[in-house]
């Protein structure tokens, strides 16, 4: 049986997509308020689990079950192009699932449980009969919870020795998960044609391109407004001001994005999303200034 080249395997796992969950795990580590003394290896292992393992698995699963849609939208991808021959895409998805669970055992019950939930969502997102991605509302929500919320909460809990993160940390994790729903919609503008043909009801397909763009901006901006209010309530005015400035910069970019969502979705991902995730880390440091959030 022909085997895929290493370059095709790397492309299948999409390293560029690993950043969000790795960053969210790091935010949880910071928000925990726990000293890094003697815990660097644990933190690095968790970051690796979030990105090169669980997130990479989700990419392989998605590409395997999306191979027919990709043949229309992005035929250059490893599976539809034939550079990932036979059923290798499926085999790698299964192998990386098992490897992720094995590594997760080192992080204790919280790490293993979070990895199991993240992997379950990854398969449910792409694989029939569930295939959450066929409805943009559910699919984007699953990605937001997995990429940001679970990763943040796990980072905080693992660093705190398995203690449940406090309400402040859980609130921020939930808010940034909701914001990520809008970020995930940005990925759908490039594939409206193929999604419509294959019955994938992404938000641009359901609502139309312009309305979907407005909804995406609403999802990205509203949770950050709530974050700013919470930070002020917690007495972290400087951190609140920083998040507000980052949101203001995003608003300027959103205005341009809305003039042509299809052409500028990738552009906004490159310039607006980094401002969003920068606010996540600012918020995490606000919780650290409060002394951590584990109860």
Protein backbone atom coordinates (compact mmCIF):
# COMPACT_ATOMS: atom_id res chain seq x y z
CA UNK A 1 0.00 0.00 0.00
CA UNK A 2 1.28 3.44 -0.91
CA UNK A 3 2.19 5.62 2.03
CA UNK A 4 1.82 9.40 2.31
CA UNK A 5 4.87 11.62 2.38
CA UNK A 6 5.71 13.37 5.63
CA UNK A 7 4.83 16.70 4.01
CA UNK A 8 1.31 15.42 3.27
CA UNK A 9 0.89 14.22 6.86
CA UNK A 10 2.02 17.61 8.18
CA UNK A 11 -0.40 19.37 5.87
CA UNK A 12 -3.22 17.07 7.01
CA UNK A 13 -2.59 18.00 10.66
CA UNK A 14 -2.52 21.75 9.81
CA UNK A 15 -0.04 23.12 12.39
CA UNK A 16 -1.36 26.65 11.85
CA UNK A 17 -4.64 25.60 13.53
CA UNK A 18 -2.94 24.40 16.72
CA UNK A 19 -2.39 27.88 18.09
CA UNK A 20 -5.89 28.65 19.50
CA UNK A 21 -6.17 25.68 21.90
CA UNK A 22 -2.49 25.94 22.87
CA UNK A 23 -2.97 29.63 23.63
CA UNK A 24 -6.19 28.96 25.57
CA UNK A 25 -4.43 26.30 27.68
CA UNK A 26 -1.65 28.81 28.39
CA UNK A 27 -4.29 31.37 29.40
CA UNK A 28 -5.68 28.85 31.87
CA UNK A 29 -2.20 28.25 33.25
CA UNK A 30 -1.73 31.99 33.80
CA UNK A 31 -5.23 32.46 35.24
CA UNK A 32 -4.66 29.70 37.80
CA UNK A 33 -2.25 31.95 39.69
CA UNK A 34 -0.11 28.92 40.49
CA UNK A 35 3.68 29.35 40.50
CA UNK A 36 5.44 27.72 37.56
CA UNK A 37 8.24 26.43 39.79
CA UNK A 38 8.56 22.74 39.08
CA UNK A 39 5.49 22.76 36.82
CA UNK A 40 6.98 23.85 33.51
CA UNK A 41 7.03 20.31 32.12
CA UNK A 42 3.39 19.77 33.09
CA UNK A 43 2.36 23.01 31.40
CA UNK A 44 4.33 22.24 28.24
CA UNK A 45 2.86 18.74 28.07
CA UNK A 46 -0.64 20.19 28.34
CA UNK A 47 0.06 22.71 25.59
CA UNK A 48 1.37 19.90 23.37
CA UNK A 49 -1.73 17.83 24.10
CA UNK A 50 -4.01 20.74 23.19
CA UNK A 51 -2.28 21.50 19.88
CA UNK A 52 -0.13 18.87 18.13
CA UNK A 53 -2.27 16.03 19.49
CA UNK A 54 -5.96 16.80 20.08
CA UNK A 55 -6.26 19.69 17.61
CA UNK A 56 -4.22 17.82 15.00
CA UNK A 57 -6.55 14.86 15.45
CA UNK A 58 -9.57 17.07 14.84
CA UNK A 59 -8.01 18.31 11.58
CA UNK A 60 -7.37 14.78 10.33
CA UNK A 61 -10.90 13.68 11.25
CA UNK A 62 -12.38 16.71 9.53
CA UNK A 63 -10.39 16.27 6.34
CA UNK A 64 -11.30 12.59 6.08
CA UNK A 65 -15.04 13.12 6.43
CA UNK A 66 -14.91 16.32 4.34
CA UNK A 67 -12.97 14.79 1.46
CA UNK A 68 -15.94 15.02 -0.92
CA UNK A 69 -16.62 18.66 -0.08
CA UNK A 70 -12.90 19.46 -0.32
CA UNK A 71 -12.83 17.90 -3.78
CA UNK A 72 -15.02 20.85 -4.80
CA UNK A 73 -13.76 23.66 -2.56
CA UNK A 74 -10.08 22.81 -2.04
CA UNK A 75 -9.01 19.93 -4.33
CA UNK A 76 -5.34 20.64 -3.56
CA UNK A 77 -5.69 19.27 -0.01
CA UNK A 78 -3.83 16.01 0.75
CA UNK A 79 -6.80 13.61 0.58
CA UNK A 80 -8.70 14.82 -2.52
CA UNK A 81 -5.43 15.45 -4.36
CA UNK A 82 -4.33 11.85 -3.82
CA UNK A 83 -1.21 12.79 -1.84
CA UNK A 84 -2.83 11.03 1.14
CA UNK A 85 -3.61 7.70 -0.60
CA UNK A 86 -6.23 5.12 0.28
CA UNK A 87 -7.62 5.30 3.82
CA UNK A 88 -4.50 6.80 5.36
CA UNK A 89 -6.40 9.91 6.42
CA UNK A 90 -8.74 7.78 8.54
CA UNK A 91 -5.90 5.64 9.92
CA UNK A 92 -3.98 8.72 11.06
CA UNK A 93 -7.10 10.18 12.70
CA UNK A 94 -7.59 6.97 14.70
CA UNK A 95 -3.89 6.68 15.59
CA UNK A 96 -3.69 10.30 16.80
CA UNK A 97 -6.86 9.82 18.85
CA UNK A 98 -5.27 6.89 20.68
CA UNK A 99 -1.96 8.73 21.12
CA UNK A 100 -3.74 11.80 22.51
CA UNK A 101 -5.57 9.72 25.12
CA UNK A 102 -2.35 7.95 26.09
CA UNK A 103 -0.49 11.24 26.65
CA UNK A 104 -3.49 12.71 28.48
CA UNK A 105 -3.19 10.08 31.23
CA UNK A 106 -0.04 11.87 32.44
CA UNK A 107 -2.09 15.01 33.22
CA UNK A 108 -4.36 13.22 35.67
CA UNK A 109 -8.16 12.99 35.67
CA UNK A 110 -8.71 16.59 34.52
CA UNK A 111 -6.30 16.31 31.62
CA UNK A 112 -7.59 12.93 30.52
CA UNK A 113 -11.24 13.93 30.86
CA UNK A 114 -10.75 17.14 28.92
CA UNK A 115 -8.87 15.34 26.16
CA UNK A 116 -11.61 12.71 25.93
CA UNK A 117 -14.33 15.38 25.66
CA UNK A 118 -12.31 17.35 23.10
CA UNK A 119 -11.75 14.25 20.98
CA UNK A 120 -15.41 13.27 21.25
CA UNK A 121 -16.39 16.71 20.00
CA UNK A 122 -13.82 16.45 17.18
CA UNK A 123 -15.37 13.23 15.90
CA UNK A 124 -18.94 14.45 16.48
CA UNK A 125 -18.14 17.66 14.57
CA UNK A 126 -17.12 15.86 11.39
CA UNK A 127 -18.28 12.24 11.45
CA UNK A 128 -21.75 10.95 10.62
CA UNK A 129 -24.33 10.36 11.91
CA UNK A 130 -23.88 13.38 14.24
CA UNK A 131 -21.75 15.62 11.99
CA UNK A 132 -22.31 18.85 13.92
CA UNK A 133 -20.61 20.89 11.21
CA UNK A 134 -23.62 20.40 8.92
CA UNK A 135 -25.26 23.13 10.98
CA UNK A 136 -23.12 26.19 11.57
CA UNK A 137 -24.79 27.03 14.87
CA UNK A 138 -23.92 23.69 16.47
CA UNK A 139 -20.62 23.07 14.73
CA UNK A 140 -19.13 26.44 15.55
CA UNK A 141 -20.30 26.12 19.15
CA UNK A 142 -18.57 22.74 19.47
CA UNK A 143 -15.33 24.24 18.13
CA UNK A 144 -15.54 27.21 20.46
CA UNK A 145 -16.04 25.02 23.52
CA UNK A 146 -13.28 22.61 22.51
CA UNK A 147 -10.68 25.09 21.24
CA UNK A 148 -11.06 27.72 23.96
CA UNK A 149 -13.25 26.76 26.90
CA UNK A 150 -12.07 23.22 27.58
CA UNK A 151 -8.44 24.15 26.95
CA UNK A 152 -8.58 27.18 29.31
CA UNK A 153 -10.35 25.30 32.13
CA UNK A 154 -8.00 22.33 31.79
CA UNK A 155 -4.91 24.54 31.95
CA UNK A 156 -6.18 26.16 35.15
CA UNK A 157 -7.22 22.87 36.75
CA UNK A 158 -4.07 20.93 35.88
CA UNK A 159 -1.83 23.65 37.29
CA UNK A 160 -3.91 23.78 40.47
CA UNK A 161 -3.42 20.06 41.06
CA UNK A 162 -6.87 19.09 39.86
CA UNK A 163 -8.83 21.71 41.80
CA UNK A 164 -11.94 23.07 40.14
CA UNK A 165 -11.27 26.56 38.70
CA UNK A 166 -13.24 29.33 40.37
CA UNK A 167 -16.23 31.14 38.94
CA UNK A 168 -14.18 33.99 37.46
CA UNK A 169 -12.06 31.64 35.38
CA UNK A 170 -15.07 29.58 34.27
CA UNK A 171 -16.89 32.77 33.25
CA UNK A 172 -14.01 34.01 31.11
CA UNK A 173 -13.55 30.58 29.53
CA UNK A 174 -17.25 30.51 28.61
CA UNK A 175 -17.20 34.05 27.21
CA UNK A 176 -14.17 33.47 25.01
CA UNK A 177 -15.70 30.18 23.85
CA UNK A 178 -18.76 32.14 22.71
CA UNK A 179 -16.51 34.64 20.94
CA UNK A 180 -14.79 31.82 19.09
CA UNK A 181 -18.16 30.89 17.54
CA UNK A 182 -17.79 34.02 15.43
CA UNK A 183 -14.17 33.28 14.60
CA UNK A 184 -15.14 29.84 13.31
CA UNK A 185 -17.69 31.44 10.99
CA UNK A 186 -14.84 33.29 9.28
CA UNK A 187 -13.61 29.93 7.95
CA UNK A 188 -16.91 29.29 6.17
CA UNK A 189 -16.95 32.21 3.74
CA UNK A 190 -14.40 30.61 1.44
CA UNK A 191 -16.47 27.43 0.94
CA UNK A 192 -20.04 28.66 0.48
CA UNK A 193 -20.33 27.18 -3.01
CA UNK A 194 -19.22 23.68 -2.06
CA UNK A 195 -21.09 23.72 1.25
CA UNK A 196 -24.33 24.61 -0.51
CA UNK A 197 -23.83 21.79 -3.03
CA UNK A 198 -23.06 19.20 -0.34
CA UNK A 199 -25.80 20.25 2.07
CA UNK A 200 -23.50 21.75 4.72
CA UNK A 201 -25.59 24.44 6.40
CA UNK A 202 -22.86 26.84 7.48
CA UNK A 203 -24.00 30.26 8.64
CA UNK A 204 -23.14 31.93 5.28
CA UNK A 205 -25.30 29.28 3.59
CA UNK A 206 -28.17 29.64 6.07
CA UNK A 207 -28.18 33.40 6.54
CA UNK A 208 -26.47 34.69 3.43
CA UNK A 209 -22.95 36.07 3.34
CA UNK A 210 -23.70 39.59 4.60
CA UNK A 211 -25.94 38.59 7.48
CA UNK A 212 -23.57 35.80 8.53
CA UNK A 213 -20.74 38.34 8.66
CA UNK A 214 -22.78 40.58 10.97
CA UNK A 215 -23.61 37.63 13.22
CA UNK A 216 -19.93 36.62 13.34
CA UNK A 217 -18.93 40.14 14.42
CA UNK A 218 -21.68 40.15 17.05
CA UNK A 219 -20.45 36.85 18.45
CA UNK A 220 -16.86 38.08 18.56
CA UNK A 221 -17.57 41.50 20.07
CA UNK A 222 -20.35 40.94 22.61
CA UNK A 223 -18.48 38.52 24.91
CA UNK A 224 -15.55 40.92 25.03
CA UNK A 225 -17.85 43.71 26.19
CA UNK A 226 -19.01 41.44 29.01
CA UNK A 227 -15.37 40.62 29.84
CA UNK A 228 -14.59 44.34 30.14
CA UNK A 229 -17.54 44.84 32.51
CA UNK A 230 -16.47 41.86 34.64
CA UNK A 231 -12.88 43.05 34.86
CA UNK A 232 -14.09 46.46 36.05
CA UNK A 233 -16.34 44.78 38.60
CA UNK A 234 -13.35 42.74 39.85
CA UNK A 235 -11.31 45.92 40.28
CA UNK A 236 -8.97 45.31 37.33
CA UNK A 237 -9.41 48.67 35.58
CA UNK A 238 -6.10 48.64 33.70
CA UNK A 239 -6.73 45.17 32.31
CA UNK A 240 -10.27 46.22 31.37
CA UNK A 241 -8.90 49.26 29.55
CA UNK A 242 -6.45 47.08 27.62
CA UNK A 243 -9.20 44.69 26.50
CA UNK A 244 -11.34 47.70 25.53
CA UNK A 245 -8.57 49.11 23.33
CA UNK A 246 -8.09 45.72 21.68
CA UNK A 247 -11.84 45.52 21.03
CA UNK A 248 -11.85 49.04 19.57
CA UNK A 249 -9.13 48.02 17.13
CA UNK A 250 -11.17 44.96 16.19
CA UNK A 251 -14.22 47.15 15.58
CA UNK A 252 -12.26 49.21 13.06
CA UNK A 253 -11.21 46.03 11.25
CA UNK A 254 -14.75 44.61 11.43
CA UNK A 255 -16.10 47.66 9.62
CA UNK A 256 -13.80 46.93 6.69
CA UNK A 257 -14.52 43.19 6.83
CA UNK A 258 -18.26 43.82 6.54
CA UNK A 259 -17.83 45.68 3.24
CA UNK A 260 -16.82 42.42 1.52
CA UNK A 261 -16.93 39.39 3.86
CA UNK A 262 -16.04 36.77 1.26
CA UNK A 263 -12.92 38.58 0.11
CA UNK A 264 -11.85 39.80 3.56
CA UNK A 265 -12.63 36.87 5.89
CA UNK A 266 -9.07 35.55 5.67
CA UNK A 267 -7.72 39.09 6.03
CA UNK A 268 -9.73 39.60 9.21
CA UNK A 269 -8.55 36.24 10.55
CA UNK A 270 -4.98 37.42 10.11
CA UNK A 271 -5.37 40.85 11.72
CA UNK A 272 -8.48 40.81 13.91
CA UNK A 273 -8.25 37.41 15.57
CA UNK A 274 -4.79 38.08 17.09
CA UNK A 275 -6.32 41.08 18.86
CA UNK A 276 -9.09 38.84 20.22
CA UNK A 277 -6.65 36.27 21.61
CA UNK A 278 -4.42 39.00 23.02
CA UNK A 279 -7.42 40.07 25.08
CA UNK A 280 -7.71 36.53 26.37
CA UNK A 281 -4.22 36.66 27.82
CA UNK A 282 -4.78 40.12 29.27
CA UNK A 283 -7.87 38.73 31.02
CA UNK A 284 -5.88 35.75 32.28
CA UNK A 285 -3.30 38.07 33.81
CA UNK A 286 -6.15 40.02 35.43
CA UNK A 287 -7.19 36.85 37.23
CA UNK A 288 -3.60 36.17 38.19
CA UNK A 289 -3.47 39.66 39.71
CA UNK A 290 -6.47 38.62 41.81
CA UNK A 291 -4.38 35.75 43.14
CA UNK A 292 -5.64 32.92 40.93
CA UNK A 293 -9.05 31.37 40.73
CA UNK A 294 -8.83 27.79 41.97
CA UNK A 295 -11.14 27.01 44.88
